[in-house]
Amino acid sequence: MIGVLRPVKNELPLEFRPYIETVHCSGCVFIKDNAYRLISTLYIYETDFLMYLLMGFNNTKFEKNKVLCTGFPIIKKSIYSVDKEYSKIVFAFSVVSAYAFLDDKKRDNNSKKAKIFIKLLEPHLENSLELLNIEDSLILHPKHLNEINEEKAETLNDLCLFYRPLISNLYFNSLKKLNIKCSDVLLRQITDRISDILIYTDSVSDFYQDIKEKQFNLIKTEAELELAFEKVKSLSSELSILVSQTVNPWKQILTNILTYGLIHYINKNWKKDDKGRSN
C-alpha cells in the first residue's frame, strides 16, 4: 500500500513539475526535523498526497525557504515553511503508514530489511498514534494488523472495510489535525475512497505475483482481475469528483496521481511478472 499514490512527472505540464519536488522535499525535512536524518529514508509518497490535499483544500500559499538536502547535505533545496505542529502531524502520519507497510512485509516475507526499518520507527510509533488519534475515530494500531483475517472477506469490498479503521482513519484524523477546510462528511467520503483505492490497487497489482507465489488474493481469475481494475478506475474517478469540491490550485497533480499514477503502478508490478499491458 506504499508508493501507490505518486505522480507521473512526464505526464504533467512543465509548470507543475517543480511542485512535486518541493512537496516531497518538504515532507522529508519534516521527518528529519522530528526525528533524525536516517528516518527520512523511510519517507513515503502517501505523505505527499496528504500534503497535496491539505494545501489544495486550504488553498494556502505556504512560503518557501531553502534548506540543506537531508540526503545530500551539501545541496540546498526549496521547501515549504509550516509551523511545528503541522510538521509533527506530517511526521506522525508518515511513521504510522510506513510502520504498517513494513509490518505487513515482515509478516509476509520475513523481510530482514523491514525488521531493521521497523526498529528505527518503533521509538516514534506510540507518540505518533497518540498525537493523531481522535476519540471517535481511533486508528487501528499497526501492531494489530495480524488480527485482520483477510480470508474471512468474501469480496474485495469486504476487505476494504477491514482496512478502513487503519487507512481511512489515519488520513481523516491527520487532515482534521491539520485543520483542513472541509466538512467532516465530505472528508470522510474522501478518506474512505483513498482507503478503498489502496486496497483495490494493491490486490490488482499483486495478482500475478500472488498466483506465482501461491499467496492469498481475493481475485482468482483474469475476468475478476478486469472487473477489479475497472473498479480502481471508478473509485479514482469518484475521489477526483469529491476533491474537486474545492478551489484546488493543484487539481492537475491530483488528477495525474489518480489516473496515470495508479495505472503506472499497476503496470509496473505486472511487468515484473511479464504480464505488462496497456490500459
C-alpha atoms as a PDB file:
ATOM      1  CA  MET A   1       0.000   0.000   0.000  1.00  0.00           C
ATOM      2  CA  ILE A   2       3.054   2.266  -0.071  1.00  0.00           C
ATOM      3  CA  GLY A   3       4.183   4.107  -3.184  1.00  0.00           C
ATOM      4  CA  VAL A   4       0.774   3.820  -4.862  1.00  0.00           C
ATOM      5  CA  LEU A   5      -0.312   7.470  -4.752  1.00  0.00           C
ATOM      6  CA  ARG A   6       2.533   9.052  -6.672  1.00  0.00           C
ATOM      7  CA  PRO A   7       2.519  11.318  -9.738  1.00  0.00           C
ATOM      8  CA  VAL A   8       3.978  10.538 -13.150  1.00  0.00           C
ATOM      9  CA  LYS A   9       6.031  13.660 -13.845  1.00  0.00           C
ATOM     10  CA  ASN A  10       6.361  13.283 -17.606  1.00  0.00           C
ATOM     11  CA  GLU A  11       2.556  13.371 -17.889  1.00  0.00           C
ATOM     12  CA  LEU A  12       2.344  16.706 -16.044  1.00  0.00           C
ATOM     13  CA  PRO A  13       2.563  20.195 -17.597  1.00  0.00           C
ATOM     14  CA  LEU A  14       6.052  21.653 -17.048  1.00  0.00           C
ATOM     15  CA  GLU A  15       4.820  24.371 -14.688  1.00  0.00           C
ATOM     16  CA  PHE A  16       3.565  21.793 -12.170  1.00  0.00           C
ATOM     17  CA  ARG A  17       6.673  19.626 -12.024  1.00  0.00           C
ATOM     18  CA  PRO A  18       8.621  21.815  -9.548  1.00  0.00           C
ATOM     19  CA  TYR A  19       5.758  21.454  -7.024  1.00  0.00           C
ATOM     20  CA  ILE A  20       6.333  17.688  -6.952  1.00  0.00           C
ATOM     21  CA  GLU A  21       9.927  18.011  -5.796  1.00  0.00           C
ATOM     22  CA  THR A  22       9.185  20.854  -3.382  1.00  0.00           C
ATOM     23  CA  VAL A  23       6.378  18.957  -1.628  1.00  0.00           C
ATOM     24  CA  HIS A  24       8.433  15.755  -1.410  1.00  0.00           C
ATOM     25  CA  CYS A  25      11.489  17.578  -0.057  1.00  0.00           C
ATOM     26  CA  SER A  26       9.312  19.459   2.445  1.00  0.00           C
ATOM     27  CA  GLY A  27       7.957  16.231   3.932  1.00  0.00           C
ATOM     28  CA  CYS A  28      11.408  14.677   4.012  1.00  0.00           C
ATOM     29  CA  VAL A  29      12.728  17.637   6.007  1.00  0.00           C
ATOM     30  CA  PHE A  30       9.755  17.450   8.410  1.00  0.00           C
ATOM     31  CA  ILE A  31      10.708  13.825   9.108  1.00  0.00           C
ATOM     32  CA  LYS A  32      14.333  14.739   9.738  1.00  0.00           C
ATOM     33  CA  ASP A  33      13.402  17.677  11.975  1.00  0.00           C
ATOM     34  CA  ASN A  34      11.144  15.495  14.156  1.00  0.00           C
ATOM     35  CA  ALA A  35      13.489  12.516  14.383  1.00  0.00           C
ATOM     36  CA  TYR A  36      16.840  12.262  12.628  1.00  0.00           C
ATOM     37  CA  ARG A  37      18.212  12.081   9.105  1.00  0.00           C
ATOM     38  CA  LEU A  38      18.190   8.290   8.737  1.00  0.00           C
ATOM     39  CA  ILE A  39      14.410   8.172   9.335  1.00  0.00           C
ATOM     40  CA  SER A  40      13.894  10.396   6.290  1.00  0.00           C
ATOM     41  CA  THR A  41      14.996   7.456   4.110  1.00  0.00           C
ATOM     42  CA  LEU A  42      11.607   5.929   5.006  1.00  0.00           C
ATOM     43  CA  TYR A  43       9.662   8.923   3.710  1.00  0.00           C
ATOM     44  CA  ILE A  44       6.708   7.772   1.612  1.00  0.00           C
ATOM     45  CA  TYR A  45       4.726   9.190  -1.310  1.00  0.00           C
ATOM     46  CA  GLU A  46       1.424   8.817   0.547  1.00  0.00           C
ATOM     47  CA  THR A  47       2.618  11.645   2.799  1.00  0.00           C
ATOM     48  CA  ASP A  48       2.984  13.828  -0.288  1.00  0.00           C
ATOM     49  CA  PHE A  49      -0.646  13.023  -1.149  1.00  0.00           C
ATOM     50  CA  LEU A  50      -1.673  14.128   2.345  1.00  0.00           C
ATOM     51  CA  MET A  51       0.107  17.444   1.766  1.00  0.00           C
ATOM     52  CA  TYR A  52      -1.460  17.960  -1.672  1.00  0.00           C
ATOM     53  CA  LEU A  53      -4.885  17.573  -0.066  1.00  0.00           C
ATOM     54  CA  LEU A  54      -4.012  19.965   2.753  1.00  0.00           C
ATOM     55  CA  MET A  55      -2.607  22.666   0.512  1.00  0.00           C
ATOM     56  CA  GLY A  56      -5.348  22.207  -2.062  1.00  0.00           C
ATOM     57  CA  PHE A  57      -8.349  22.308   0.258  1.00  0.00           C
ATOM     58  CA  ASN A  58      -6.926  25.089   2.366  1.00  0.00           C
ATOM     59  CA  ASN A  59      -5.967  26.912  -0.840  1.00  0.00           C
ATOM     60  CA  THR A  60      -2.934  28.185   1.019  1.00  0.00           C
ATOM     61  CA  LYS A  61       0.284  29.507  -0.451  1.00  0.00           C
ATOM     62  CA  PHE A  62       2.906  28.413   2.023  1.00  0.00           C
ATOM     63  CA  GLU A  63       6.118  30.410   1.992  1.00  0.00           C
ATOM     64  CA  LYS A  64       9.251  28.729   0.703  1.00  0.00           C
ATOM     65  CA  ASN A  65      12.737  28.635   2.094  1.00  0.00           C
ATOM     66  CA  LYS A  66      15.906  26.772   1.196  1.00  0.00           C
ATOM     67  CA  VAL A  67      17.472  24.182   3.484  1.00  0.00           C
ATOM     68  CA  LEU A  68      20.203  21.605   3.101  1.00  0.00           C
ATOM     69  CA  CYS A  69      19.013  18.387   1.478  1.00  0.00           C
ATOM     70  CA  THR A  70      18.625  15.567   4.019  1.00  0.00           C
ATOM     71  CA  GLY A  71      20.159  13.027   1.618  1.00  0.00           C
ATOM     72  CA  PHE A  72      22.946  15.235   0.236  1.00  0.00           C
ATOM     73  CA  PRO A  73      23.642  17.889   2.863  1.00  0.00           C
ATOM     74  CA  ILE A  74      25.819  19.970   0.523  1.00  0.00           C
ATOM     75  CA  ILE A  75      22.831  20.776  -1.728  1.00  0.00           C
ATOM     76  CA  LYS A  76      20.168  23.337  -0.808  1.00  0.00           C
ATOM     77  CA  LYS A  77      16.592  22.551  -1.780  1.00  0.00           C
ATOM     78  CA  SER A  78      13.423  24.613  -1.734  1.00  0.00           C
ATOM     79  CA  ILE A  79      10.794  23.505   0.815  1.00  0.00           C
ATOM     80  CA  TYR A  80       7.529  24.888   2.210  1.00  0.00           C
ATOM     81  CA  SER A  81       7.578  26.524   5.622  1.00  0.00           C
ATOM     82  CA  VAL A  82       4.953  25.267   8.072  1.00  0.00           C
ATOM     83  CA  ASP A  83       4.585  25.634  11.805  1.00  0.00           C
ATOM     84  CA  LYS A  84       5.982  22.962  14.116  1.00  0.00           C
ATOM     85  CA  GLU A  85       2.584  21.405  14.839  1.00  0.00           C
ATOM     86  CA  TYR A  86       1.925  20.804  11.140  1.00  0.00           C
ATOM     87  CA  SER A  87       5.384  19.322  10.812  1.00  0.00           C
ATOM     88  CA  LYS A  88       4.747  16.953  13.733  1.00  0.00           C
ATOM     89  CA  ILE A  89       1.454  15.741  12.228  1.00  0.00           C
ATOM     90  CA  VAL A  90       3.042  15.044   8.837  1.00  0.00           C
ATOM     91  CA  PHE A  91       5.806  13.171  10.640  1.00  0.00           C
ATOM     92  CA  ALA A  92       3.320  11.135  12.694  1.00  0.00           C
ATOM     93  CA  PHE A  93       1.315  10.212   9.579  1.00  0.00           C
ATOM     94  CA  SER A  94       4.473   9.033   7.853  1.00  0.00           C
ATOM     95  CA  VAL A  95       5.565   6.948  10.860  1.00  0.00           C
ATOM     96  CA  VAL A  96       2.221   5.129  11.206  1.00  0.00           C
ATOM     97  CA  SER A  97       1.784   4.432   7.483  1.00  0.00           C
ATOM     98  CA  ALA A  98       5.403   3.319   6.994  1.00  0.00           C
ATOM     99  CA  TYR A  99       5.235   1.093  10.082  1.00  0.00           C
ATOM    100  CA  ALA A 100       2.024  -0.565   8.834  1.00  0.00           C
ATOM    101  CA  PHE A 101       3.617  -1.239   5.436  1.00  0.00           C
ATOM    102  CA  LEU A 102       6.820  -2.644   6.936  1.00  0.00           C
ATOM    103  CA  ASP A 103       4.961  -4.798   9.449  1.00  0.00           C
ATOM    104  CA  ASP A 104       2.996  -6.309   6.568  1.00  0.00           C
ATOM    105  CA  LYS A 105       6.250  -7.035   4.695  1.00  0.00           C
ATOM    106  CA  LYS A 106       7.763  -8.568   7.785  1.00  0.00           C
ATOM    107  CA  ARG A 107       4.827 -10.926   8.247  1.00  0.00           C
ATOM    108  CA  ASP A 108       4.508 -11.824   4.561  1.00  0.00           C
ATOM    109  CA  ASN A 109       8.148 -12.281   3.606  1.00  0.00           C
ATOM    110  CA  ASN A 110      10.004 -12.291   6.930  1.00  0.00           C
ATOM    111  CA  SER A 111      11.915  -9.374   5.401  1.00  0.00           C
ATOM    112  CA  LYS A 112      15.162  -8.562   7.199  1.00  0.00           C
ATOM    113  CA  LYS A 113      15.146  -5.039   5.764  1.00  0.00           C
ATOM    114  CA  ALA A 114      11.618  -4.475   7.112  1.00  0.00           C
ATOM    115  CA  LYS A 115      12.720  -5.640  10.562  1.00  0.00           C
ATOM    116  CA  ILE A 116      15.623  -3.167  10.568  1.00  0.00           C
ATOM    117  CA  PHE A 117      13.481  -0.216   9.483  1.00  0.00           C
ATOM    118  CA  ILE A 118      10.747  -1.104  11.969  1.00  0.00           C
ATOM    119  CA  LYS A 119      13.293  -0.810  14.779  1.00  0.00           C
ATOM    120  CA  LEU A 120      14.036   2.740  13.611  1.00  0.00           C
ATOM    121  CA  LEU A 121      10.345   3.651  13.660  1.00  0.00           C
ATOM    122  CA  GLU A 122       9.476   1.839  16.886  1.00  0.00           C
ATOM    123  CA  PRO A 123      10.508   4.674  19.271  1.00  0.00           C
ATOM    124  CA  HIS A 124       8.146   7.075  17.467  1.00  0.00           C
ATOM    125  CA  LEU A 125       5.088   4.871  16.897  1.00  0.00           C
ATOM    126  CA  GLU A 126       3.145   5.277  20.158  1.00  0.00           C
ATOM    127  CA  ASN A 127       3.653   9.051  20.308  1.00  0.00           C
ATOM    128  CA  SER A 128       2.533   9.341  16.688  1.00  0.00           C
ATOM    129  CA  LEU A 129      -0.677   7.406  17.334  1.00  0.00           C
ATOM    130  CA  GLU A 130      -1.356   9.437  20.472  1.00  0.00           C
ATOM    131  CA  LEU A 131      -0.944  12.673  18.518  1.00  0.00           C
ATOM    132  CA  LEU A 132      -3.223  11.597  15.660  1.00  0.00           C
ATOM    133  CA  ASN A 133      -5.971   9.672  17.415  1.00  0.00           C
ATOM    134  CA  ILE A 134      -9.421  11.205  17.779  1.00  0.00           C
ATOM    135  CA  GLU A 135     -11.805   9.678  20.317  1.00  0.00           C
ATOM    136  CA  ASP A 136     -14.490   8.568  17.863  1.00  0.00           C
ATOM    137  CA  SER A 137     -12.031   7.757  15.064  1.00  0.00           C
ATOM    138  CA  LEU A 138      -9.323   5.562  16.546  1.00  0.00           C
ATOM    139  CA  ILE A 139      -6.632   4.360  14.153  1.00  0.00           C
ATOM    140  CA  LEU A 140      -6.128   0.602  14.076  1.00  0.00           C
ATOM    141  CA  HIS A 141      -2.776   0.032  15.749  1.00  0.00           C
ATOM    142  CA  PRO A 142      -0.329  -1.299  13.110  1.00  0.00           C
ATOM    143  CA  LYS A 143       0.796  -3.949  15.589  1.00  0.00           C
ATOM    144  CA  HIS A 144      -2.735  -5.382  15.481  1.00  0.00           C
ATOM    145  CA  LEU A 145      -2.793  -5.814  11.701  1.00  0.00           C
ATOM    146  CA  ASN A 146      -2.171  -9.534  12.191  1.00  0.00           C
ATOM    147  CA  GLU A 147      -5.651  -9.691  13.758  1.00  0.00           C
ATOM    148  CA  ILE A 148      -7.221  -8.957  10.361  1.00  0.00           C
ATOM    149  CA  ASN A 149      -8.143 -12.297   8.840  1.00  0.00           C
ATOM    150  CA  GLU A 150      -8.288 -11.471   5.120  1.00  0.00           C
ATOM    151  CA  GLU A 151      -9.620 -14.939   4.319  1.00  0.00           C
ATOM    152  CA  LYS A 152     -12.870 -14.024   6.081  1.00  0.00           C
ATOM    153  CA  ALA A 153     -13.555 -11.451   3.357  1.00  0.00           C
ATOM    154  CA  GLU A 154     -15.812 -12.779   0.614  1.00  0.00           C
ATOM    155  CA  THR A 155     -15.281  -9.813  -1.705  1.00  0.00           C
ATOM    156  CA  LEU A 156     -12.786  -7.005  -2.176  1.00  0.00           C
ATOM    157  CA  ASN A 157     -15.398  -4.619  -0.770  1.00  0.00           C
ATOM    158  CA  ASP A 158     -15.355  -6.675   2.455  1.00  0.00           C
ATOM    159  CA  LEU A 159     -11.563  -6.429   2.514  1.00  0.00           C
ATOM    160  CA  CYS A 160     -11.778  -2.664   2.105  1.00  0.00           C
ATOM    161  CA  LEU A 161     -13.996  -2.440   5.186  1.00  0.00           C
ATOM    162  CA  PHE A 162     -11.434  -4.428   7.211  1.00  0.00           C
ATOM    163  CA  TYR A 163      -8.717  -1.852   6.464  1.00  0.00           C
ATOM    164  CA  ARG A 164     -10.674   1.392   6.786  1.00  0.00           C
ATOM    165  CA  PRO A 165     -10.015   1.669  10.559  1.00  0.00           C
ATOM    166  CA  LEU A 166      -6.330   1.914   9.689  1.00  0.00           C
ATOM    167  CA  ILE A 167      -6.140   3.781   6.381  1.00  0.00           C
ATOM    168  CA  SER A 168      -9.273   5.939   6.325  1.00  0.00           C
ATOM    169  CA  ASN A 169      -8.970   6.889   9.998  1.00  0.00           C
ATOM    170  CA  LEU A 170      -5.268   7.694   9.543  1.00  0.00           C
ATOM    171  CA  TYR A 171      -5.983  10.122   6.687  1.00  0.00           C
ATOM    172  CA  PHE A 172      -9.148  11.522   8.305  1.00  0.00           C
ATOM    173  CA  ASN A 173      -7.504  12.211  11.661  1.00  0.00           C
ATOM    174  CA  SER A 174      -4.337  13.639  10.136  1.00  0.00           C
ATOM    175  CA  LEU A 175      -6.236  16.052   7.885  1.00  0.00           C
ATOM    176  CA  LYS A 176      -8.512  17.069  10.769  1.00  0.00           C
ATOM    177  CA  LYS A 177      -5.455  17.783  12.909  1.00  0.00           C
ATOM    178  CA  LEU A 178      -4.025  19.807  10.024  1.00  0.00           C
ATOM    179  CA  ASN A 179      -7.209  21.939  10.148  1.00  0.00           C
ATOM    180  CA  ILE A 180      -8.252  21.137   6.607  1.00  0.00           C
ATOM    181  CA  LYS A 181     -11.082  23.360   5.363  1.00  0.00           C
ATOM    182  CA  CYS A 182     -13.580  20.626   4.661  1.00  0.00           C
ATOM    183  CA  SER A 183     -16.747  19.298   6.289  1.00  0.00           C
ATOM    184  CA  ASP A 184     -16.450  16.067   8.255  1.00  0.00           C
ATOM    185  CA  VAL A 185     -18.945  14.354   5.929  1.00  0.00           C
ATOM    186  CA  LEU A 186     -17.008  15.226   2.768  1.00  0.00           C
ATOM    187  CA  LEU A 187     -13.684  14.481   4.424  1.00  0.00           C
ATOM    188  CA  ARG A 188     -14.852  11.013   5.486  1.00  0.00           C
ATOM    189  CA  GLN A 189     -16.071  10.278   1.961  1.00  0.00           C
ATOM    190  CA  ILE A 190     -12.665  11.281   0.624  1.00  0.00           C
ATOM    191  CA  THR A 191     -10.663   9.219   3.112  1.00  0.00           C
ATOM    192  CA  ASP A 192     -12.864   6.145   2.620  1.00  0.00           C
ATOM    193  CA  ARG A 193     -12.238   6.356  -1.136  1.00  0.00           C
ATOM    194  CA  ILE A 194      -8.488   6.721  -0.576  1.00  0.00           C
ATOM    195  CA  SER A 195      -8.523   3.640   1.645  1.00  0.00           C
ATOM    196  CA  ASP A 196     -10.520   1.575  -0.850  1.00  0.00           C
ATOM    197  CA  ILE A 197      -8.316   2.667  -3.773  1.00  0.00           C
ATOM    198  CA  LEU A 198      -5.220   1.466  -1.936  1.00  0.00           C
ATOM    199  CA  ILE A 199      -6.742  -1.951  -1.184  1.00  0.00           C
ATOM    200  CA  TYR A 200      -8.101  -2.467  -4.698  1.00  0.00           C
ATOM    201  CA  THR A 201      -4.882  -1.268  -6.344  1.00  0.00           C
ATOM    202  CA  ASP A 202      -2.779  -3.467  -4.075  1.00  0.00           C
ATOM    203  CA  SER A 203      -4.872  -6.539  -4.937  1.00  0.00           C
ATOM    204  CA  VAL A 204      -4.869  -5.824  -8.672  1.00  0.00           C
ATOM    205  CA  SER A 205      -1.153  -5.029  -8.920  1.00  0.00           C
ATOM    206  CA  ASP A 206      -0.155  -8.116  -6.895  1.00  0.00           C
ATOM    207  CA  PHE A 207      -2.405 -10.550  -8.801  1.00  0.00           C
ATOM    208  CA  TYR A 208       0.254 -12.249 -10.951  1.00  0.00           C
ATOM    209  CA  GLN A 209       2.855 -12.303  -8.199  1.00  0.00           C
ATOM    210  CA  ASP A 210       0.358 -13.803  -5.748  1.00  0.00           C
ATOM    211  CA  ILE A 211      -0.541 -16.537  -8.241  1.00  0.00           C
ATOM    212  CA  LYS A 212       3.140 -17.318  -8.793  1.00  0.00           C
ATOM    213  CA  GLU A 213       3.928 -17.410  -5.070  1.00  0.00           C
ATOM    214  CA  LYS A 214       0.583 -19.007  -4.098  1.00  0.00           C
ATOM    215  CA  GLN A 215      -0.249 -16.072  -1.830  1.00  0.00           C
ATOM    216  CA  PHE A 216      -3.771 -15.089  -0.773  1.00  0.00           C
ATOM    217  CA  ASN A 217      -5.638 -12.798  -3.168  1.00  0.00           C
ATOM    218  CA  LEU A 218      -9.410 -12.455  -3.464  1.00  0.00           C
ATOM    219  CA  ILE A 219      -9.015 -12.012  -7.222  1.00  0.00           C
ATOM    220  CA  LYS A 220      -8.936 -15.530  -8.668  1.00  0.00           C
ATOM    221  CA  THR A 221      -9.286 -15.177 -12.457  1.00  0.00           C
ATOM    222  CA  GLU A 222      -8.377 -12.836 -15.322  1.00  0.00           C
ATOM    223  CA  ALA A 223     -12.061 -11.925 -15.643  1.00  0.00           C
ATOM    224  CA  GLU A 224     -12.202 -10.932 -11.964  1.00  0.00           C
ATOM    225  CA  LEU A 225      -8.966  -9.001 -12.456  1.00  0.00           C
ATOM    226  CA  GLU A 226     -10.510  -6.938 -15.253  1.00  0.00           C
ATOM    227  CA  LEU A 227     -13.522  -6.120 -13.071  1.00  0.00           C
ATOM    228  CA  ALA A 228     -11.288  -5.121 -10.150  1.00  0.00           C
ATOM    229  CA  PHE A 229      -9.187  -2.943 -12.444  1.00  0.00           C
ATOM    230  CA  GLU A 230     -12.314  -1.176 -13.644  1.00  0.00           C
ATOM    231  CA  LYS A 231     -13.281  -0.647 -10.005  1.00  0.00           C
ATOM    232  CA  VAL A 232      -9.917   1.050  -9.374  1.00  0.00           C
ATOM    233  CA  LYS A 233     -10.674   3.495 -12.183  1.00  0.00           C
ATOM    234  CA  SER A 234     -14.219   4.017 -10.892  1.00  0.00           C
ATOM    235  CA  LEU A 235     -13.018   4.745  -7.348  1.00  0.00           C
ATOM    236  CA  SER A 236     -10.351   7.157  -8.583  1.00  0.00           C
ATOM    237  CA  SER A 237     -12.991   8.987 -10.623  1.00  0.00           C
ATOM    238  CA  GLU A 238     -15.261   9.233  -7.555  1.00  0.00           C
ATOM    239  CA  LEU A 239     -12.361  10.581  -5.483  1.00  0.00           C
ATOM    240  CA  SER A 240     -11.490  13.138  -8.154  1.00  0.00           C
ATOM    241  CA  ILE A 241     -15.083  14.414  -8.103  1.00  0.00           C
ATOM    242  CA  LEU A 242     -15.080  14.680  -4.305  1.00  0.00           C
ATOM    243  CA  VAL A 243     -11.740  16.510  -4.259  1.00  0.00           C
ATOM    244  CA  SER A 244     -12.950  18.876  -6.972  1.00  0.00           C
ATOM    245  CA  GLN A 245     -15.373  20.386  -4.450  1.00  0.00           C
ATOM    246  CA  THR A 246     -12.663  22.840  -3.521  1.00  0.00           C
ATOM    247  CA  VAL A 247     -10.783  25.619  -5.257  1.00  0.00           C
ATOM    248  CA  ASN A 248      -7.712  23.445  -5.561  1.00  0.00           C
ATOM    249  CA  PRO A 249      -4.736  25.064  -7.298  1.00  0.00           C
ATOM    250  CA  TRP A 250      -3.138  21.648  -7.827  1.00  0.00           C
ATOM    251  CA  LYS A 251      -6.031  19.725  -9.330  1.00  0.00           C
ATOM    252  CA  GLN A 252      -3.848  18.639 -12.229  1.00  0.00           C
ATOM    253  CA  ILE A 253      -1.375  16.988  -9.874  1.00  0.00           C
ATOM    254  CA  LEU A 254      -4.114  15.110  -8.020  1.00  0.00           C
ATOM    255  CA  THR A 255      -5.738  14.079 -11.303  1.00  0.00           C
ATOM    256  CA  ASN A 256      -2.356  12.871 -12.549  1.00  0.00           C
ATOM    257  CA  ILE A 257      -1.877  10.715  -9.432  1.00  0.00           C
ATOM    258  CA  LEU A 258      -5.376   9.224  -9.647  1.00  0.00           C
ATOM    259  CA  THR A 259      -5.075   8.360 -13.339  1.00  0.00           C
ATOM    260  CA  TYR A 260      -1.559   7.988 -14.693  1.00  0.00           C
ATOM    261  CA  GLY A 261      -0.076   7.271 -11.257  1.00  0.00           C
ATOM    262  CA  LEU A 262      -2.357   4.341 -10.401  1.00  0.00           C
ATOM    263  CA  ILE A 263      -2.128   2.783 -13.864  1.00  0.00           C
ATOM    264  CA  HIS A 264       1.660   3.218 -13.917  1.00  0.00           C
ATOM    265  CA  TYR A 265       1.941   1.497 -10.524  1.00  0.00           C
ATOM    266  CA  ILE A 266      -0.214  -1.442 -11.616  1.00  0.00           C
ATOM    267  CA  ASN A 267       1.556  -1.894 -14.965  1.00  0.00           C
ATOM    268  CA  LYS A 268       4.960  -1.675 -13.300  1.00  0.00           C
ATOM    269  CA  ASN A 269       4.064  -4.544 -10.963  1.00  0.00           C
ATOM    270  CA  TRP A 270       2.534  -6.592 -13.772  1.00  0.00           C
ATOM    271  CA  LYS A 271       5.664  -6.189 -15.896  1.00  0.00           C
ATOM    272  CA  LYS A 272       7.723  -7.689 -13.090  1.00  0.00           C
ATOM    273  CA  ASP A 273       5.791 -10.877 -13.799  1.00  0.00           C
ATOM    274  CA  ASP A 274       5.927 -10.471 -17.609  1.00  0.00           C
ATOM    275  CA  LYS A 275       2.267  -9.514 -17.719  1.00  0.00           C
ATOM    276  CA  GLY A 276       2.557  -5.869 -18.772  1.00  0.00           C
ATOM    277  CA  ARG A 277      -0.350  -4.427 -20.688  1.00  0.00           C
ATOM    278  CA  SER A 278      -1.566  -1.042 -21.827  1.00  0.00           C
ATOM    279  CA  ASN A 279      -4.707   0.463 -20.288  1.00  0.00           C
END
